N, C-alpha and C. Protein backbone atom coordinates (compact mmCIF):
# COMPACT_ATOMS: atom_id res chain seq x y z
N ALA A 1 0.83 -1.20 0.00
CA ALA A 1 0.00 0.00 0.00
C ALA A 1 0.86 1.25 0.00
N VAL A 2 1.90 1.25 0.80
CA VAL A 2 2.79 2.41 0.86
C VAL A 2 3.51 2.60 -0.45
N ASP A 3 3.93 1.51 -1.09
CA ASP A 3 4.58 1.62 -2.40
C ASP A 3 3.64 2.24 -3.43
N THR A 4 2.35 1.93 -3.33
CA THR A 4 1.36 2.54 -4.22
C THR A 4 1.34 4.04 -4.04
N VAL A 5 1.46 4.50 -2.82
CA VAL A 5 1.47 5.94 -2.54
C VAL A 5 2.74 6.58 -3.06
N LEU A 6 3.88 5.95 -2.79
CA LEU A 6 5.15 6.58 -3.11
C LEU A 6 5.41 6.67 -4.60
N ASP A 7 4.78 5.81 -5.37
CA ASP A 7 4.98 5.82 -6.82
C ASP A 7 4.49 7.13 -7.42
N GLY A 8 5.41 7.91 -7.95
CA GLY A 8 5.04 9.13 -8.66
C GLY A 8 5.12 10.41 -7.85
N PHE A 9 5.50 10.33 -6.57
CA PHE A 9 5.62 11.55 -5.78
C PHE A 9 7.08 11.87 -5.53
N SER A 10 7.48 13.09 -5.84
CA SER A 10 8.87 13.48 -5.69
C SER A 10 9.16 14.15 -4.36
N GLU A 11 8.25 15.01 -3.90
CA GLU A 11 8.49 15.70 -2.64
C GLU A 11 7.20 16.29 -2.10
N GLY A 12 7.19 16.55 -0.79
CA GLY A 12 6.03 17.15 -0.16
C GLY A 12 5.74 16.53 1.19
N ILE A 13 4.52 16.74 1.67
CA ILE A 13 4.10 16.23 2.98
C ILE A 13 3.04 15.16 2.77
N ALA A 14 3.23 14.02 3.40
CA ALA A 14 2.28 12.92 3.35
C ALA A 14 1.48 12.88 4.65
N LEU A 15 0.23 12.43 4.56
CA LEU A 15 -0.63 12.31 5.72
C LEU A 15 -1.01 10.85 5.91
N ASP A 16 -0.84 10.34 7.15
CA ASP A 16 -1.29 9.00 7.49
C ASP A 16 -2.40 9.12 8.51
N VAL A 17 -3.64 8.86 8.08
CA VAL A 17 -4.82 8.99 8.93
C VAL A 17 -5.08 7.68 9.66
N ALA A 18 -5.50 7.77 10.92
CA ALA A 18 -5.65 6.59 11.78
C ALA A 18 -4.30 5.87 11.86
N THR A 19 -3.29 6.65 12.15
CA THR A 19 -1.91 6.16 12.09
C THR A 19 -1.59 5.10 13.12
N GLY A 20 -2.36 5.04 14.20
CA GLY A 20 -2.10 4.02 15.21
C GLY A 20 -0.72 4.15 15.80
N THR A 21 0.03 3.06 15.76
CA THR A 21 1.39 3.09 16.31
C THR A 21 2.43 3.48 15.26
N GLY A 22 1.99 3.99 14.13
CA GLY A 22 2.90 4.65 13.19
C GLY A 22 3.56 3.80 12.14
N ASP A 23 3.10 2.57 11.93
CA ASP A 23 3.78 1.70 10.96
C ASP A 23 3.75 2.26 9.55
N PHE A 24 2.59 2.75 9.11
CA PHE A 24 2.50 3.33 7.76
C PHE A 24 3.32 4.62 7.67
N ALA A 25 3.25 5.44 8.70
CA ALA A 25 4.01 6.70 8.68
C ALA A 25 5.51 6.42 8.55
N ILE A 26 5.97 5.41 9.27
CA ILE A 26 7.39 5.05 9.20
C ILE A 26 7.74 4.57 7.80
N GLU A 27 6.87 3.78 7.19
CA GLU A 27 7.12 3.30 5.83
C GLU A 27 7.13 4.46 4.83
N LEU A 28 6.21 5.40 5.00
CA LEU A 28 6.19 6.57 4.11
C LEU A 28 7.49 7.35 4.21
N ALA A 29 8.05 7.39 5.42
CA ALA A 29 9.29 8.15 5.64
C ALA A 29 10.49 7.51 4.96
N ARG A 30 10.31 6.31 4.37
CA ARG A 30 11.39 5.71 3.61
C ARG A 30 11.79 6.59 2.42
N SER A 31 10.82 7.37 1.94
CA SER A 31 11.11 8.29 0.84
C SER A 31 11.78 9.53 1.41
N ASP A 32 13.02 9.77 1.02
CA ASP A 32 13.79 10.91 1.56
C ASP A 32 13.16 12.25 1.23
N SER A 33 12.30 12.29 0.22
CA SER A 33 11.73 13.56 -0.21
C SER A 33 10.39 13.87 0.44
N LEU A 34 9.89 12.94 1.29
CA LEU A 34 8.62 13.15 1.96
C LEU A 34 8.81 13.38 3.46
N SER A 35 8.12 14.36 3.99
CA SER A 35 7.93 14.43 5.43
C SER A 35 6.52 13.91 5.70
N VAL A 36 6.27 13.43 6.92
CA VAL A 36 5.04 12.71 7.18
C VAL A 36 4.36 13.24 8.43
N VAL A 37 3.05 13.37 8.36
CA VAL A 37 2.22 13.69 9.52
C VAL A 37 1.30 12.52 9.77
N GLY A 38 1.34 11.98 11.00
CA GLY A 38 0.44 10.92 11.40
C GLY A 38 -0.63 11.47 12.32
N LEU A 39 -1.87 11.06 12.11
CA LEU A 39 -2.98 11.56 12.92
C LEU A 39 -3.80 10.38 13.41
N ASP A 40 -4.15 10.41 14.70
CA ASP A 40 -4.98 9.36 15.26
C ASP A 40 -5.84 9.94 16.38
N PHE A 41 -7.01 9.36 16.59
CA PHE A 41 -7.93 9.82 17.63
C PHE A 41 -7.46 9.41 19.01
N SER A 42 -6.60 8.39 19.09
CA SER A 42 -6.14 7.85 20.37
C SER A 42 -4.78 8.43 20.77
N SER A 43 -4.74 9.14 21.87
CA SER A 43 -3.48 9.70 22.35
C SER A 43 -2.52 8.59 22.77
N GLY A 44 -3.07 7.47 23.28
CA GLY A 44 -2.22 6.34 23.66
C GLY A 44 -1.49 5.76 22.47
N MET A 45 -2.19 5.61 21.35
CA MET A 45 -1.57 5.11 20.12
C MET A 45 -0.48 6.08 19.64
N ILE A 46 -0.80 7.36 19.68
CA ILE A 46 0.17 8.37 19.25
C ILE A 46 1.43 8.31 20.10
N PHE A 47 1.26 8.13 21.40
CA PHE A 47 2.42 8.05 22.31
C PHE A 47 3.31 6.87 21.94
N VAL A 48 2.71 5.71 21.72
CA VAL A 48 3.48 4.52 21.35
C VAL A 48 4.17 4.73 20.01
N GLY A 49 3.43 5.27 19.05
CA GLY A 49 4.00 5.50 17.73
C GLY A 49 5.14 6.50 17.74
N GLN A 50 5.00 7.58 18.52
CA GLN A 50 6.05 8.58 18.56
C GLN A 50 7.34 8.01 19.16
N ASN A 51 7.20 7.18 20.17
CA ASN A 51 8.38 6.53 20.75
C ASN A 51 9.07 5.63 19.73
N LYS A 52 8.28 4.91 18.95
CA LYS A 52 8.84 4.04 17.92
C LYS A 52 9.59 4.87 16.87
N ILE A 53 8.99 5.98 16.48
CA ILE A 53 9.60 6.87 15.49
C ILE A 53 10.91 7.45 16.00
N LEU A 54 10.92 7.87 17.26
CA LEU A 54 12.14 8.43 17.85
C LEU A 54 13.25 7.39 17.93
N LYS A 55 12.90 6.15 18.27
CA LYS A 55 13.89 5.09 18.35
C LYS A 55 14.51 4.80 16.99
N LYS A 56 13.74 5.02 15.92
CA LYS A 56 14.26 4.80 14.58
C LYS A 56 15.07 6.00 14.06
N GLY A 57 15.11 7.07 14.86
CA GLY A 57 15.90 8.24 14.48
C GLY A 57 15.31 9.07 13.36
N ILE A 58 13.98 9.02 13.19
CA ILE A 58 13.35 9.78 12.10
C ILE A 58 12.35 10.79 12.65
N GLY A 59 12.53 11.18 13.90
CA GLY A 59 11.63 12.14 14.52
C GLY A 59 11.61 13.49 13.83
N HIS A 60 12.67 13.82 13.12
CA HIS A 60 12.73 15.09 12.40
C HIS A 60 11.91 15.06 11.11
N ARG A 61 11.47 13.85 10.70
CA ARG A 61 10.74 13.72 9.44
C ARG A 61 9.32 13.23 9.61
N VAL A 62 9.00 12.74 10.81
CA VAL A 62 7.65 12.24 11.09
C VAL A 62 7.12 12.89 12.35
N SER A 63 5.97 13.53 12.24
CA SER A 63 5.34 14.14 13.43
C SER A 63 3.94 13.57 13.58
N ASN A 64 3.52 13.37 14.81
CA ASN A 64 2.21 12.80 15.10
C ASN A 64 1.37 13.77 15.91
N LEU A 65 0.06 13.71 15.71
CA LEU A 65 -0.83 14.50 16.53
C LEU A 65 -2.16 13.79 16.70
N VAL A 66 -2.84 14.14 17.79
CA VAL A 66 -4.17 13.61 18.06
C VAL A 66 -5.18 14.44 17.28
N GLY A 67 -6.09 13.77 16.59
CA GLY A 67 -7.08 14.50 15.81
C GLY A 67 -8.17 13.58 15.30
N ASP A 68 -9.21 14.19 14.75
CA ASP A 68 -10.39 13.48 14.27
C ASP A 68 -10.39 13.46 12.75
N ALA A 69 -10.46 12.27 12.17
CA ALA A 69 -10.46 12.15 10.70
C ALA A 69 -11.66 12.83 10.08
N HIS A 70 -12.73 13.05 10.84
CA HIS A 70 -13.94 13.68 10.31
C HIS A 70 -13.84 15.21 10.29
N MET A 71 -12.85 15.75 10.99
CA MET A 71 -12.60 17.20 11.02
C MET A 71 -11.10 17.42 11.08
N LEU A 72 -10.43 17.21 9.98
CA LEU A 72 -8.96 17.29 9.96
C LEU A 72 -8.49 18.72 10.22
N PRO A 73 -7.51 18.88 11.12
CA PRO A 73 -7.05 20.22 11.49
C PRO A 73 -5.99 20.77 10.54
N PHE A 74 -6.25 20.68 9.24
CA PHE A 74 -5.29 21.12 8.24
C PHE A 74 -5.98 21.98 7.19
N ALA A 75 -5.20 22.85 6.57
CA ALA A 75 -5.73 23.68 5.50
C ALA A 75 -5.96 22.85 4.24
N ASP A 76 -6.81 23.37 3.36
CA ASP A 76 -7.04 22.73 2.07
C ASP A 76 -5.72 22.56 1.32
N LYS A 77 -5.61 21.46 0.58
CA LYS A 77 -4.51 21.24 -0.36
C LYS A 77 -3.14 21.26 0.32
N THR A 78 -3.04 20.65 1.50
CA THR A 78 -1.78 20.64 2.26
C THR A 78 -0.88 19.48 1.86
N PHE A 79 -1.45 18.31 1.57
CA PHE A 79 -0.66 17.08 1.44
C PHE A 79 -0.61 16.58 0.00
N VAL A 80 0.51 15.91 -0.33
CA VAL A 80 0.65 15.34 -1.67
C VAL A 80 0.04 13.95 -1.77
N CYS A 81 -0.16 13.28 -0.63
CA CYS A 81 -0.75 11.95 -0.62
C CYS A 81 -1.24 11.64 0.79
N ALA A 82 -2.11 10.62 0.89
CA ALA A 82 -2.65 10.23 2.19
C ALA A 82 -2.89 8.73 2.22
N THR A 83 -2.69 8.13 3.39
CA THR A 83 -2.93 6.71 3.58
C THR A 83 -3.86 6.48 4.76
N VAL A 84 -4.58 5.37 4.70
CA VAL A 84 -5.34 4.87 5.84
C VAL A 84 -5.09 3.37 5.89
N GLY A 85 -4.40 2.90 6.90
CA GLY A 85 -4.08 1.49 7.02
C GLY A 85 -4.88 0.82 8.12
N PHE A 86 -5.84 -0.01 7.74
CA PHE A 86 -6.68 -0.73 8.70
C PHE A 86 -7.33 0.23 9.69
N GLY A 87 -7.80 1.38 9.20
CA GLY A 87 -8.43 2.35 10.08
C GLY A 87 -9.84 2.74 9.66
N VAL A 88 -10.21 2.42 8.44
CA VAL A 88 -11.52 2.80 7.92
C VAL A 88 -12.65 2.26 8.79
N ARG A 89 -12.46 1.05 9.32
CA ARG A 89 -13.51 0.44 10.13
C ARG A 89 -13.80 1.22 11.40
N ASN A 90 -12.89 2.11 11.79
CA ASN A 90 -13.08 2.90 13.00
C ASN A 90 -13.74 4.25 12.74
N PHE A 91 -13.98 4.59 11.46
CA PHE A 91 -14.61 5.86 11.14
C PHE A 91 -16.11 5.76 11.39
N ILE A 92 -16.68 6.73 12.07
CA ILE A 92 -18.11 6.75 12.34
C ILE A 92 -18.88 7.08 11.07
N ASP A 93 -18.33 7.99 10.26
CA ASP A 93 -18.98 8.44 9.03
C ASP A 93 -17.93 8.42 7.92
N LEU A 94 -17.84 7.30 7.23
CA LEU A 94 -16.79 7.13 6.22
C LEU A 94 -16.85 8.17 5.10
N PRO A 95 -18.03 8.48 4.53
CA PRO A 95 -18.05 9.51 3.48
C PRO A 95 -17.48 10.85 3.94
N THR A 96 -17.82 11.26 5.17
CA THR A 96 -17.29 12.52 5.69
C THR A 96 -15.78 12.45 5.83
N ALA A 97 -15.27 11.35 6.35
CA ALA A 97 -13.83 11.21 6.54
C ALA A 97 -13.09 11.23 5.21
N ILE A 98 -13.61 10.52 4.21
CA ILE A 98 -12.95 10.50 2.91
C ILE A 98 -12.99 11.88 2.26
N ARG A 99 -14.11 12.59 2.40
CA ARG A 99 -14.18 13.96 1.87
C ARG A 99 -13.17 14.86 2.54
N GLU A 100 -12.98 14.69 3.84
CA GLU A 100 -12.01 15.49 4.57
C GLU A 100 -10.58 15.20 4.10
N ILE A 101 -10.30 13.93 3.89
CA ILE A 101 -8.96 13.58 3.39
C ILE A 101 -8.76 14.18 2.00
N ALA A 102 -9.78 14.08 1.15
CA ALA A 102 -9.68 14.67 -0.19
C ALA A 102 -9.50 16.19 -0.10
N ARG A 103 -10.17 16.81 0.84
CA ARG A 103 -10.07 18.27 0.99
C ARG A 103 -8.63 18.71 1.25
N VAL A 104 -7.92 17.97 2.09
CA VAL A 104 -6.56 18.40 2.47
C VAL A 104 -5.50 17.92 1.48
N LEU A 105 -5.91 17.15 0.46
CA LEU A 105 -4.98 16.73 -0.58
C LEU A 105 -4.81 17.80 -1.65
N GLN A 106 -3.61 17.88 -2.18
CA GLN A 106 -3.38 18.74 -3.34
C GLN A 106 -4.02 18.08 -4.56
N PRO A 107 -4.43 18.87 -5.55
CA PRO A 107 -4.96 18.28 -6.79
C PRO A 107 -3.96 17.28 -7.37
N GLY A 108 -4.46 16.12 -7.75
CA GLY A 108 -3.58 15.07 -8.23
C GLY A 108 -3.06 14.17 -7.13
N GLY A 109 -3.28 14.54 -5.88
CA GLY A 109 -2.83 13.74 -4.75
C GLY A 109 -3.63 12.45 -4.62
N ARG A 110 -3.01 11.44 -4.10
CA ARG A 110 -3.63 10.12 -4.05
C ARG A 110 -4.01 9.72 -2.63
N ILE A 111 -5.19 9.14 -2.48
CA ILE A 111 -5.60 8.46 -1.25
C ILE A 111 -5.43 6.97 -1.47
N VAL A 112 -4.78 6.30 -0.52
CA VAL A 112 -4.63 4.86 -0.59
C VAL A 112 -5.12 4.26 0.72
N ILE A 113 -6.10 3.36 0.63
CA ILE A 113 -6.69 2.72 1.80
C ILE A 113 -6.38 1.23 1.75
N LEU A 114 -5.80 0.71 2.82
CA LEU A 114 -5.60 -0.72 2.99
C LEU A 114 -6.55 -1.18 4.08
N GLU A 115 -7.44 -2.12 3.74
CA GLU A 115 -8.46 -2.50 4.72
C GLU A 115 -8.95 -3.93 4.51
N ILE A 116 -9.41 -4.53 5.56
CA ILE A 116 -10.13 -5.79 5.47
C ILE A 116 -11.53 -5.47 4.94
N VAL A 117 -11.96 -6.21 3.95
CA VAL A 117 -13.23 -5.90 3.28
C VAL A 117 -14.13 -7.13 3.23
N ARG A 118 -15.40 -6.88 3.00
CA ARG A 118 -16.37 -7.95 2.86
C ARG A 118 -16.27 -8.55 1.46
N ILE A 119 -16.17 -9.86 1.37
CA ILE A 119 -16.10 -10.53 0.08
C ILE A 119 -17.49 -10.61 -0.52
N GLU A 120 -17.61 -10.25 -1.79
CA GLU A 120 -18.92 -10.21 -2.45
C GLU A 120 -19.13 -11.30 -3.49
N LYS A 121 -18.06 -11.88 -3.98
CA LYS A 121 -18.23 -12.80 -5.11
C LYS A 121 -17.43 -14.09 -4.89
N GLY A 122 -17.80 -15.10 -5.63
CA GLY A 122 -17.10 -16.37 -5.57
C GLY A 122 -17.48 -17.18 -4.34
N ILE A 123 -16.96 -18.37 -4.30
CA ILE A 123 -17.28 -19.28 -3.21
C ILE A 123 -16.80 -18.77 -1.86
N PHE A 124 -15.76 -17.94 -1.90
CA PHE A 124 -15.18 -17.49 -0.64
C PHE A 124 -16.09 -16.55 0.13
N ARG A 125 -17.12 -15.99 -0.55
CA ARG A 125 -18.04 -15.13 0.21
C ARG A 125 -18.80 -15.94 1.25
N TYR A 126 -18.96 -17.26 0.99
CA TYR A 126 -19.65 -18.12 1.96
C TYR A 126 -18.71 -18.55 3.09
N LEU A 127 -17.44 -18.52 2.79
CA LEU A 127 -16.44 -18.92 3.80
C LEU A 127 -15.88 -17.74 4.57
N PHE A 128 -16.38 -16.53 4.24
CA PHE A 128 -15.77 -15.32 4.77
C PHE A 128 -15.80 -15.26 6.30
N LYS A 129 -16.96 -15.56 6.89
CA LYS A 129 -17.05 -15.44 8.34
C LYS A 129 -16.10 -16.38 9.08
N PRO A 130 -16.09 -17.69 8.74
CA PRO A 130 -15.12 -18.54 9.43
C PRO A 130 -13.67 -18.18 9.10
N TYR A 131 -13.44 -17.81 7.83
CA TYR A 131 -12.09 -17.38 7.44
C TYR A 131 -11.67 -16.17 8.26
N PHE A 132 -12.59 -15.23 8.37
CA PHE A 132 -12.36 -14.00 9.10
C PHE A 132 -12.04 -14.28 10.56
N LYS A 133 -12.77 -15.23 11.12
CA LYS A 133 -12.62 -15.55 12.54
C LYS A 133 -11.27 -16.19 12.85
N TYR A 134 -10.84 -17.11 11.97
CA TYR A 134 -9.66 -17.90 12.30
C TYR A 134 -8.38 -17.45 11.60
N VAL A 135 -8.53 -16.84 10.40
CA VAL A 135 -7.34 -16.47 9.63
C VAL A 135 -6.97 -14.99 9.75
N THR A 136 -7.99 -14.15 9.89
CA THR A 136 -7.73 -12.71 9.92
C THR A 136 -6.70 -12.28 10.98
N PRO A 137 -6.74 -12.85 12.18
CA PRO A 137 -5.70 -12.44 13.15
C PRO A 137 -4.28 -12.65 12.62
N TRP A 138 -4.10 -13.71 11.83
CA TRP A 138 -2.77 -13.94 11.25
C TRP A 138 -2.47 -12.94 10.14
N ILE A 139 -3.49 -12.54 9.38
CA ILE A 139 -3.30 -11.50 8.37
C ILE A 139 -2.88 -10.20 9.05
N GLY A 140 -3.56 -9.86 10.15
CA GLY A 140 -3.20 -8.67 10.91
C GLY A 140 -1.77 -8.71 11.38
N ALA A 141 -1.31 -9.89 11.77
CA ALA A 141 0.07 -10.04 12.22
C ALA A 141 1.05 -9.77 11.09
N VAL A 142 0.70 -10.25 9.88
CA VAL A 142 1.60 -10.08 8.73
C VAL A 142 1.61 -8.64 8.24
N PHE A 143 0.40 -8.05 8.01
CA PHE A 143 0.30 -6.72 7.42
C PHE A 143 0.57 -5.61 8.42
N ALA A 144 0.11 -5.78 9.65
CA ALA A 144 0.18 -4.68 10.63
C ALA A 144 1.09 -4.99 11.81
N GLY A 145 1.61 -6.21 11.87
CA GLY A 145 2.50 -6.54 12.96
C GLY A 145 1.81 -6.67 14.30
N ASP A 146 0.49 -6.89 14.31
CA ASP A 146 -0.26 -6.92 15.56
C ASP A 146 -1.39 -7.94 15.46
N LYS A 147 -1.13 -9.16 15.91
CA LYS A 147 -2.15 -10.21 15.82
C LYS A 147 -3.30 -9.97 16.78
N GLU A 148 -3.00 -9.60 18.01
CA GLU A 148 -4.02 -9.47 19.04
C GLU A 148 -5.06 -8.41 18.69
N ALA A 149 -4.62 -7.33 18.03
CA ALA A 149 -5.53 -6.23 17.71
C ALA A 149 -6.62 -6.66 16.74
N TYR A 150 -6.42 -7.78 16.04
CA TYR A 150 -7.37 -8.20 15.02
C TYR A 150 -8.26 -9.37 15.45
N THR A 151 -8.14 -9.79 16.71
CA THR A 151 -8.95 -10.92 17.16
C THR A 151 -10.40 -10.53 17.43
N TYR A 152 -10.67 -9.24 17.64
CA TYR A 152 -12.04 -8.80 17.92
C TYR A 152 -12.85 -8.53 16.67
N LEU A 153 -12.22 -8.50 15.52
CA LEU A 153 -12.88 -8.04 14.30
C LEU A 153 -14.07 -8.89 13.85
N PRO A 154 -14.07 -10.21 14.04
CA PRO A 154 -15.23 -10.98 13.57
C PRO A 154 -16.56 -10.52 14.15
N GLN A 155 -16.53 -9.86 15.29
CA GLN A 155 -17.76 -9.38 15.90
C GLN A 155 -18.45 -8.32 15.04
N SER A 156 -17.69 -7.62 14.21
CA SER A 156 -18.26 -6.53 13.42
C SER A 156 -18.16 -6.77 11.92
N VAL A 157 -17.99 -8.02 11.50
CA VAL A 157 -17.77 -8.31 10.10
C VAL A 157 -18.92 -7.86 9.22
N GLU A 158 -20.15 -7.93 9.73
CA GLU A 158 -21.30 -7.54 8.92
C GLU A 158 -21.28 -6.06 8.57
N LEU A 159 -20.55 -5.26 9.33
CA LEU A 159 -20.51 -3.81 9.12
C LEU A 159 -19.45 -3.41 8.10
N PHE A 160 -18.60 -4.34 7.68
CA PHE A 160 -17.52 -3.99 6.78
C PHE A 160 -18.04 -3.71 5.38
N LEU A 161 -17.45 -2.73 4.74
CA LEU A 161 -17.75 -2.45 3.34
C LEU A 161 -17.00 -3.44 2.45
N SER A 162 -17.48 -3.61 1.26
CA SER A 162 -16.73 -4.34 0.25
C SER A 162 -15.76 -3.36 -0.41
N ALA A 163 -14.77 -3.91 -1.12
CA ALA A 163 -13.83 -3.05 -1.86
C ALA A 163 -14.58 -2.23 -2.90
N ARG A 164 -15.57 -2.85 -3.55
CA ARG A 164 -16.35 -2.14 -4.57
C ARG A 164 -17.10 -0.95 -3.96
N GLU A 165 -17.66 -1.14 -2.77
CA GLU A 165 -18.39 -0.05 -2.12
C GLU A 165 -17.45 1.11 -1.77
N MET A 166 -16.23 0.79 -1.35
CA MET A 166 -15.27 1.86 -1.06
C MET A 166 -14.87 2.59 -2.34
N LEU A 167 -14.67 1.82 -3.41
CA LEU A 167 -14.34 2.44 -4.70
C LEU A 167 -15.47 3.35 -5.17
N GLU A 168 -16.71 2.89 -5.05
CA GLU A 168 -17.85 3.71 -5.47
C GLU A 168 -17.95 4.98 -4.64
N LEU A 169 -17.60 4.89 -3.36
CA LEU A 169 -17.60 6.08 -2.51
C LEU A 169 -16.58 7.10 -3.00
N MET A 170 -15.40 6.63 -3.39
CA MET A 170 -14.39 7.54 -3.93
C MET A 170 -14.89 8.21 -5.20
N LEU A 171 -15.54 7.44 -6.05
CA LEU A 171 -16.08 8.02 -7.29
C LEU A 171 -17.15 9.07 -6.99
N GLU A 172 -17.98 8.80 -6.00
CA GLU A 172 -19.05 9.73 -5.64
C GLU A 172 -18.52 11.08 -5.18
N ILE A 173 -17.38 11.09 -4.52
CA ILE A 173 -16.85 12.38 -4.04
C ILE A 173 -15.95 13.04 -5.07
N GLY A 174 -15.81 12.40 -6.25
CA GLY A 174 -15.09 13.04 -7.34
C GLY A 174 -13.65 12.60 -7.53
N MET A 175 -13.25 11.49 -6.90
CA MET A 175 -11.90 10.99 -7.13
C MET A 175 -11.84 10.33 -8.51
N GLU A 176 -10.66 10.29 -9.07
CA GLU A 176 -10.47 9.66 -10.38
C GLU A 176 -9.31 8.68 -10.32
N ASP A 177 -9.11 7.95 -11.41
CA ASP A 177 -8.05 6.93 -11.47
C ASP A 177 -8.16 5.98 -10.28
N VAL A 178 -9.40 5.56 -9.97
CA VAL A 178 -9.62 4.68 -8.83
C VAL A 178 -9.33 3.23 -9.20
N SER A 179 -8.84 2.47 -8.23
CA SER A 179 -8.49 1.09 -8.51
C SER A 179 -8.58 0.25 -7.23
N ILE A 180 -8.66 -1.06 -7.44
CA ILE A 180 -8.70 -2.02 -6.34
C ILE A 180 -7.64 -3.09 -6.60
N LYS A 181 -6.88 -3.43 -5.56
CA LYS A 181 -6.01 -4.60 -5.59
C LYS A 181 -6.42 -5.48 -4.41
N GLU A 182 -6.71 -6.74 -4.68
CA GLU A 182 -7.19 -7.64 -3.63
C GLU A 182 -6.10 -8.64 -3.25
N PHE A 183 -6.14 -9.02 -1.96
CA PHE A 183 -5.20 -9.98 -1.41
C PHE A 183 -5.97 -10.92 -0.49
N ALA A 184 -5.30 -11.97 -0.05
CA ALA A 184 -5.85 -12.88 0.95
C ALA A 184 -7.26 -13.35 0.57
N LEU A 185 -7.38 -13.90 -0.63
CA LEU A 185 -8.65 -14.43 -1.15
C LEU A 185 -9.73 -13.36 -1.26
N GLY A 186 -9.31 -12.10 -1.38
CA GLY A 186 -10.26 -11.00 -1.53
C GLY A 186 -10.73 -10.39 -0.24
N SER A 187 -10.20 -10.83 0.89
CA SER A 187 -10.64 -10.28 2.18
C SER A 187 -9.85 -9.05 2.60
N VAL A 188 -8.77 -8.76 1.91
CA VAL A 188 -7.98 -7.54 2.14
C VAL A 188 -7.82 -6.83 0.81
N ALA A 189 -8.00 -5.53 0.81
CA ALA A 189 -7.91 -4.78 -0.45
C ALA A 189 -7.19 -3.46 -0.26
N ILE A 190 -6.50 -3.05 -1.30
CA ILE A 190 -5.97 -1.69 -1.41
C ILE A 190 -6.88 -0.95 -2.38
N VAL A 191 -7.53 0.08 -1.90
CA VAL A 191 -8.41 0.91 -2.73
C VAL A 191 -7.77 2.29 -2.82
N SER A 192 -7.54 2.75 -4.03
CA SER A 192 -6.85 4.04 -4.19
C SER A 192 -7.54 4.90 -5.23
N GLY A 193 -7.30 6.19 -5.14
CA GLY A 193 -7.84 7.15 -6.09
C GLY A 193 -7.08 8.45 -6.03
N ARG A 194 -7.17 9.22 -7.11
CA ARG A 194 -6.50 10.52 -7.17
C ARG A 194 -7.52 11.64 -7.09
N LYS A 195 -7.12 12.72 -6.45
CA LYS A 195 -7.98 13.90 -6.38
C LYS A 195 -8.00 14.59 -7.73
N ALA A 196 -9.18 14.77 -8.26
CA ALA A 196 -9.32 15.44 -9.55
C ALA A 196 -8.79 16.86 -9.48
N ARG A 197 -8.27 17.36 -10.58
CA ARG A 197 -7.67 18.70 -10.60
C ARG A 197 -8.68 19.78 -10.23
N GLY A 198 -9.94 19.56 -10.56
CA GLY A 198 -10.94 20.59 -10.26
C GLY A 198 -11.66 20.39 -8.94
N LEU A 199 -11.25 19.39 -8.16
CA LEU A 199 -11.96 19.06 -6.92
C LEU A 199 -11.51 19.97 -5.78
């Protein structure tokens, strides 16, 4: 997901929404030409993430703050790109949050979302709930480095959007060049889009 963001950006400020303990922000900072702002609603997560960032010696390039994805504390057109890694499920109002992220992106800037999604097609849609219950914690361990944080997710599986629904939401708010990449039998997806020049 981070490689999808970094492709095509030469310099600027990147935003990682629902940054948690900062894994995506740290990956974004691999690009020497990007500085990174991580935002999360949880001060505890921010504290853990900031300590991790300082230990890696990149505190001068990554800054974290507590904030609400539904009311981002940034001016319009501030960031060249934005990521959300396994955080969409925590948004109370996803359309509002996506519009806010688009608002603070520069024209041509890309939103990239990595999320566990509801499977809609094929035989695996029938196996999704048991798969989700027993396999998803291991997926969380691989993608996010945190198995325990993903053990509670089966309780809310019915509330998850499909990748197609997230893509359609991006189209509705005026994003372009939207795409989906699926992994783990379609239960994990990268959904991305670019902010239209006139948006």
